[in-house]
Amino acid sequence: MTPVELSVFLLGLAVIVITAFWVAAPLFAGGDRLEAEIPDDPRARWERQKRQALTAIKEAELDYQTGKLSDDDLQVLRARLEAQALEAIAALEQEPKA
């Protein structure tokens, strides 16, 4: 192997190793960083619950339209998700705005 081939090989290997560490870095960060991003604010929690429930309802409707959910499954799922959304909306109406 000539010195040029060896240096190209080592450069390529270095790029692969650096890229692998960069991609895998969030896996090694742990849950501390994730928990730090979630606020303890109850209002933010209720907003997130409402948003997630409404998004899940839209996804369930789409799944029903594409034939992935039956009528009964849609009704059960929609009732549960609507209850979650209504719970969050009621909590948001009771809490004072920050």
N, C-alpha and C. Protein backbone atom coordinates (compact mmCIF):
# COMPACT_ATOMS: atom_id res chain seq x y z
N MET A 1 0.86 -1.17 0.00
CA MET A 1 0.00 0.00 0.00
C MET A 1 0.91 1.24 0.00
N THR A 2 0.64 2.13 -0.90
CA THR A 2 1.46 3.34 -1.02
C THR A 2 1.07 4.32 0.08
N PRO A 3 1.94 5.28 0.36
CA PRO A 3 1.60 6.28 1.39
C PRO A 3 0.33 7.07 1.07
N VAL A 4 0.08 7.34 -0.20
CA VAL A 4 -1.14 8.08 -0.58
C VAL A 4 -2.38 7.24 -0.30
N GLU A 5 -2.35 5.95 -0.65
CA GLU A 5 -3.48 5.07 -0.39
C GLU A 5 -3.73 4.93 1.10
N LEU A 6 -2.64 4.81 1.85
CA LEU A 6 -2.76 4.70 3.30
C LEU A 6 -3.37 5.95 3.92
N SER A 7 -2.94 7.12 3.48
CA SER A 7 -3.49 8.36 4.03
C SER A 7 -4.95 8.55 3.64
N VAL A 8 -5.35 8.17 2.43
CA VAL A 8 -6.76 8.24 2.03
C VAL A 8 -7.58 7.27 2.86
N PHE A 9 -7.06 6.07 3.08
CA PHE A 9 -7.75 5.09 3.90
C PHE A 9 -7.94 5.61 5.33
N LEU A 10 -6.89 6.15 5.92
CA LEU A 10 -6.97 6.66 7.29
C LEU A 10 -7.90 7.86 7.39
N LEU A 11 -7.87 8.73 6.38
CA LEU A 11 -8.78 9.88 6.36
C LEU A 11 -10.24 9.41 6.29
N GLY A 12 -10.51 8.45 5.43
CA GLY A 12 -11.87 7.89 5.32
C GLY A 12 -12.31 7.24 6.61
N LEU A 13 -11.40 6.50 7.23
CA LEU A 13 -11.71 5.85 8.51
C LEU A 13 -12.00 6.89 9.59
N ALA A 14 -11.23 7.96 9.61
CA ALA A 14 -11.46 9.03 10.59
C ALA A 14 -12.82 9.68 10.38
N VAL A 15 -13.19 9.91 9.13
CA VAL A 15 -14.50 10.51 8.83
C VAL A 15 -15.62 9.59 9.31
N ILE A 16 -15.48 8.31 9.09
CA ILE A 16 -16.50 7.34 9.51
C ILE A 16 -16.62 7.31 11.03
N VAL A 17 -15.51 7.29 11.72
CA VAL A 17 -15.54 7.24 13.19
C VAL A 17 -16.14 8.52 13.77
N ILE A 18 -15.75 9.67 13.25
CA ILE A 18 -16.29 10.95 13.74
C ILE A 18 -17.79 11.02 13.48
N THR A 19 -18.22 10.60 12.31
CA THR A 19 -19.65 10.62 11.99
C THR A 19 -20.42 9.67 12.90
N ALA A 20 -19.87 8.51 13.16
CA ALA A 20 -20.54 7.55 14.04
C ALA A 20 -20.71 8.12 15.44
N PHE A 21 -19.68 8.75 15.98
CA PHE A 21 -19.79 9.36 17.31
C PHE A 21 -20.78 10.51 17.32
N TRP A 22 -20.80 11.30 16.26
CA TRP A 22 -21.72 12.44 16.19
C TRP A 22 -23.18 11.95 16.14
N VAL A 23 -23.43 10.90 15.38
CA VAL A 23 -24.79 10.36 15.27
C VAL A 23 -25.21 9.69 16.58
N ALA A 24 -24.29 9.00 17.25
CA ALA A 24 -24.62 8.25 18.46
C ALA A 24 -24.58 9.10 19.73
N ALA A 25 -24.11 10.32 19.66
CA ALA A 25 -23.97 11.16 20.86
C ALA A 25 -25.28 11.32 21.64
N PRO A 26 -26.44 11.54 20.98
CA PRO A 26 -27.68 11.66 21.77
C PRO A 26 -28.03 10.40 22.55
N LEU A 27 -27.60 9.25 22.08
CA LEU A 27 -27.87 8.02 22.80
C LEU A 27 -27.12 7.96 24.12
N PHE A 28 -25.95 8.56 24.17
CA PHE A 28 -25.14 8.55 25.38
C PHE A 28 -25.45 9.72 26.31
N ALA A 29 -26.26 10.67 25.86
CA ALA A 29 -26.58 11.84 26.67
C ALA A 29 -27.42 11.45 27.89
N GLY A 30 -28.21 10.40 27.79
CA GLY A 30 -29.01 9.94 28.91
C GLY A 30 -30.31 10.71 29.02
N GLY A 31 -31.09 10.32 30.01
CA GLY A 31 -32.40 10.92 30.21
C GLY A 31 -32.36 12.25 30.93
N ASP A 32 -31.22 12.63 31.50
CA ASP A 32 -31.13 13.89 32.22
C ASP A 32 -31.42 15.06 31.29
N ARG A 33 -30.86 15.01 30.11
CA ARG A 33 -31.07 16.10 29.17
C ARG A 33 -32.52 16.15 28.71
N LEU A 34 -33.12 14.99 28.50
CA LEU A 34 -34.51 14.94 28.07
C LEU A 34 -35.42 15.47 29.16
N GLU A 35 -35.17 15.10 30.41
CA GLU A 35 -35.99 15.59 31.51
C GLU A 35 -35.83 17.09 31.71
N ALA A 36 -34.67 17.62 31.42
CA ALA A 36 -34.44 19.05 31.56
C ALA A 36 -35.24 19.84 30.53
N GLU A 37 -35.56 19.22 29.40
CA GLU A 37 -36.31 19.92 28.36
C GLU A 37 -37.81 19.94 28.64
N ILE A 38 -38.29 19.06 29.52
CA ILE A 38 -39.71 19.00 29.83
C ILE A 38 -39.97 19.91 31.03
N PRO A 39 -40.74 20.97 30.83
CA PRO A 39 -40.98 21.89 31.94
C PRO A 39 -41.91 21.27 32.99
N ASP A 40 -41.76 21.74 34.23
CA ASP A 40 -42.62 21.27 35.31
C ASP A 40 -43.92 22.07 35.38
N ASP A 41 -44.06 23.01 34.51
CA ASP A 41 -45.23 23.87 34.48
C ASP A 41 -46.48 23.04 34.17
N PRO A 42 -47.47 23.05 35.06
CA PRO A 42 -48.69 22.26 34.81
C PRO A 42 -49.42 22.71 33.55
N ARG A 43 -49.38 24.00 33.30
CA ARG A 43 -50.07 24.51 32.10
C ARG A 43 -49.45 23.93 30.84
N ALA A 44 -48.12 23.83 30.80
CA ALA A 44 -47.44 23.26 29.64
C ALA A 44 -47.78 21.78 29.50
N ARG A 45 -47.92 21.10 30.63
CA ARG A 45 -48.28 19.68 30.58
C ARG A 45 -49.67 19.48 30.00
N TRP A 46 -50.62 20.32 30.44
CA TRP A 46 -51.99 20.23 29.92
C TRP A 46 -52.05 20.61 28.44
N GLU A 47 -51.28 21.62 28.05
CA GLU A 47 -51.23 22.01 26.63
C GLU A 47 -50.70 20.85 25.79
N ARG A 48 -49.64 20.19 26.29
CA ARG A 48 -49.06 19.06 25.57
C ARG A 48 -50.06 17.91 25.47
N GLN A 49 -50.77 17.63 26.57
CA GLN A 49 -51.75 16.54 26.55
C GLN A 49 -52.87 16.85 25.55
N LYS A 50 -53.35 18.07 25.53
CA LYS A 50 -54.40 18.46 24.60
C LYS A 50 -53.92 18.31 23.16
N ARG A 51 -52.74 18.82 22.88
CA ARG A 51 -52.18 18.77 21.53
C ARG A 51 -51.98 17.31 21.08
N GLN A 52 -51.45 16.48 21.98
CA GLN A 52 -51.22 15.08 21.62
C GLN A 52 -52.54 14.34 21.39
N ALA A 53 -53.54 14.61 22.20
CA ALA A 53 -54.83 13.94 22.04
C ALA A 53 -55.49 14.34 20.73
N LEU A 54 -55.47 15.63 20.41
CA LEU A 54 -56.08 16.08 19.16
C LEU A 54 -55.34 15.53 17.94
N THR A 55 -54.04 15.46 18.02
CA THR A 55 -53.26 14.88 16.93
C THR A 55 -53.57 13.40 16.78
N ALA A 56 -53.69 12.70 17.89
CA ALA A 56 -54.01 11.27 17.84
C ALA A 56 -55.40 11.03 17.27
N ILE A 57 -56.35 11.92 17.55
CA ILE A 57 -57.68 11.80 16.96
C ILE A 57 -57.60 11.93 15.44
N LYS A 58 -56.84 12.90 14.97
CA LYS A 58 -56.69 13.07 13.52
C LYS A 58 -56.04 11.84 12.89
N GLU A 59 -55.04 11.28 13.55
CA GLU A 59 -54.38 10.09 13.03
C GLU A 59 -55.32 8.89 13.02
N ALA A 60 -56.15 8.77 14.05
CA ALA A 60 -57.12 7.68 14.11
C ALA A 60 -58.15 7.80 12.98
N GLU A 61 -58.59 9.03 12.72
CA GLU A 61 -59.52 9.25 11.61
C GLU A 61 -58.89 8.85 10.28
N LEU A 62 -57.63 9.21 10.10
CA LEU A 62 -56.92 8.84 8.88
C LEU A 62 -56.77 7.32 8.78
N ASP A 63 -56.45 6.67 9.90
CA ASP A 63 -56.35 5.21 9.91
C ASP A 63 -57.68 4.57 9.57
N TYR A 64 -58.76 5.15 10.05
CA TYR A 64 -60.09 4.63 9.74
C TYR A 64 -60.39 4.78 8.25
N GLN A 65 -60.06 5.94 7.70
CA GLN A 65 -60.32 6.18 6.28
C GLN A 65 -59.50 5.28 5.37
N THR A 66 -58.31 4.89 5.83
CA THR A 66 -57.47 4.00 5.02
C THR A 66 -57.75 2.53 5.30
N GLY A 67 -58.70 2.25 6.20
CA GLY A 67 -59.10 0.88 6.46
C GLY A 67 -58.28 0.17 7.52
N LYS A 68 -57.47 0.88 8.25
CA LYS A 68 -56.64 0.26 9.29
C LYS A 68 -57.40 0.07 10.60
N LEU A 69 -58.50 0.82 10.78
CA LEU A 69 -59.31 0.72 11.99
C LEU A 69 -60.75 0.40 11.60
N SER A 70 -61.39 -0.43 12.42
CA SER A 70 -62.81 -0.71 12.21
C SER A 70 -63.65 0.39 12.86
N ASP A 71 -64.95 0.36 12.60
CA ASP A 71 -65.85 1.34 13.21
C ASP A 71 -65.78 1.29 14.74
N ASP A 72 -65.84 0.07 15.28
CA ASP A 72 -65.81 -0.10 16.73
C ASP A 72 -64.50 0.40 17.34
N ASP A 73 -63.39 0.05 16.69
CA ASP A 73 -62.09 0.48 17.19
C ASP A 73 -61.98 2.01 17.18
N LEU A 74 -62.48 2.62 16.11
CA LEU A 74 -62.43 4.08 16.01
C LEU A 74 -63.25 4.71 17.12
N GLN A 75 -64.45 4.19 17.39
CA GLN A 75 -65.30 4.76 18.42
C GLN A 75 -64.65 4.67 19.80
N VAL A 76 -64.06 3.51 20.11
CA VAL A 76 -63.42 3.32 21.41
C VAL A 76 -62.21 4.25 21.54
N LEU A 77 -61.38 4.27 20.52
CA LEU A 77 -60.18 5.09 20.55
C LEU A 77 -60.53 6.57 20.60
N ARG A 78 -61.51 6.97 19.79
CA ARG A 78 -61.90 8.38 19.76
C ARG A 78 -62.49 8.82 21.10
N ALA A 79 -63.28 7.97 21.73
CA ALA A 79 -63.87 8.32 23.03
C ALA A 79 -62.78 8.52 24.08
N ARG A 80 -61.79 7.65 24.08
CA ARG A 80 -60.69 7.78 25.05
C ARG A 80 -59.88 9.04 24.79
N LEU A 81 -59.57 9.30 23.52
CA LEU A 81 -58.77 10.48 23.19
C LEU A 81 -59.54 11.78 23.42
N GLU A 82 -60.83 11.77 23.14
CA GLU A 82 -61.64 12.96 23.40
C GLU A 82 -61.71 13.24 24.90
N ALA A 83 -61.79 12.18 25.71
CA ALA A 83 -61.81 12.37 27.16
C ALA A 83 -60.50 13.00 27.64
N GLN A 84 -59.38 12.57 27.07
CA GLN A 84 -58.09 13.16 27.43
C GLN A 84 -58.03 14.63 27.02
N ALA A 85 -58.50 14.92 25.82
CA ALA A 85 -58.48 16.31 25.34
C ALA A 85 -59.39 17.19 26.18
N LEU A 86 -60.57 16.68 26.51
CA LEU A 86 -61.50 17.47 27.32
C LEU A 86 -60.98 17.69 28.73
N GLU A 87 -60.32 16.68 29.29
CA GLU A 87 -59.71 16.83 30.61
C GLU A 87 -58.67 17.95 30.59
N ALA A 88 -57.84 17.95 29.54
CA ALA A 88 -56.81 18.98 29.42
C ALA A 88 -57.42 20.36 29.21
N ILE A 89 -58.45 20.44 28.39
CA ILE A 89 -59.10 21.73 28.13
C ILE A 89 -59.73 22.27 29.41
N ALA A 90 -60.40 21.39 30.16
CA ALA A 90 -61.01 21.82 31.43
C ALA A 90 -59.95 22.31 32.41
N ALA A 91 -58.84 21.61 32.48
CA ALA A 91 -57.75 22.02 33.39
C ALA A 91 -57.16 23.35 32.95
N LEU A 92 -57.04 23.55 31.65
CA LEU A 92 -56.48 24.81 31.15
C LEU A 92 -57.42 25.98 31.43
N GLU A 93 -58.72 25.73 31.38
CA GLU A 93 -59.68 26.79 31.67
C GLU A 93 -59.68 27.18 33.14
N GLN A 94 -59.35 26.23 34.02
CA GLN A 94 -59.33 26.51 35.46
C GLN A 94 -58.06 27.20 35.90
N GLU A 95 -56.96 26.95 35.22
CA GLU A 95 -55.67 27.51 35.63
C GLU A 95 -55.53 28.94 35.13
N PRO A 96 -54.97 29.79 35.95
CA PRO A 96 -54.71 31.16 35.49
C PRO A 96 -53.57 31.16 34.49
N LYS A 97 -53.66 32.05 33.51
CA LYS A 97 -52.60 32.15 32.51
C LYS A 97 -51.37 32.80 33.12
N ALA A 98 -50.21 32.30 32.68
CA ALA A 98 -48.96 32.82 33.22
C ALA A 98 -48.58 34.14 32.59
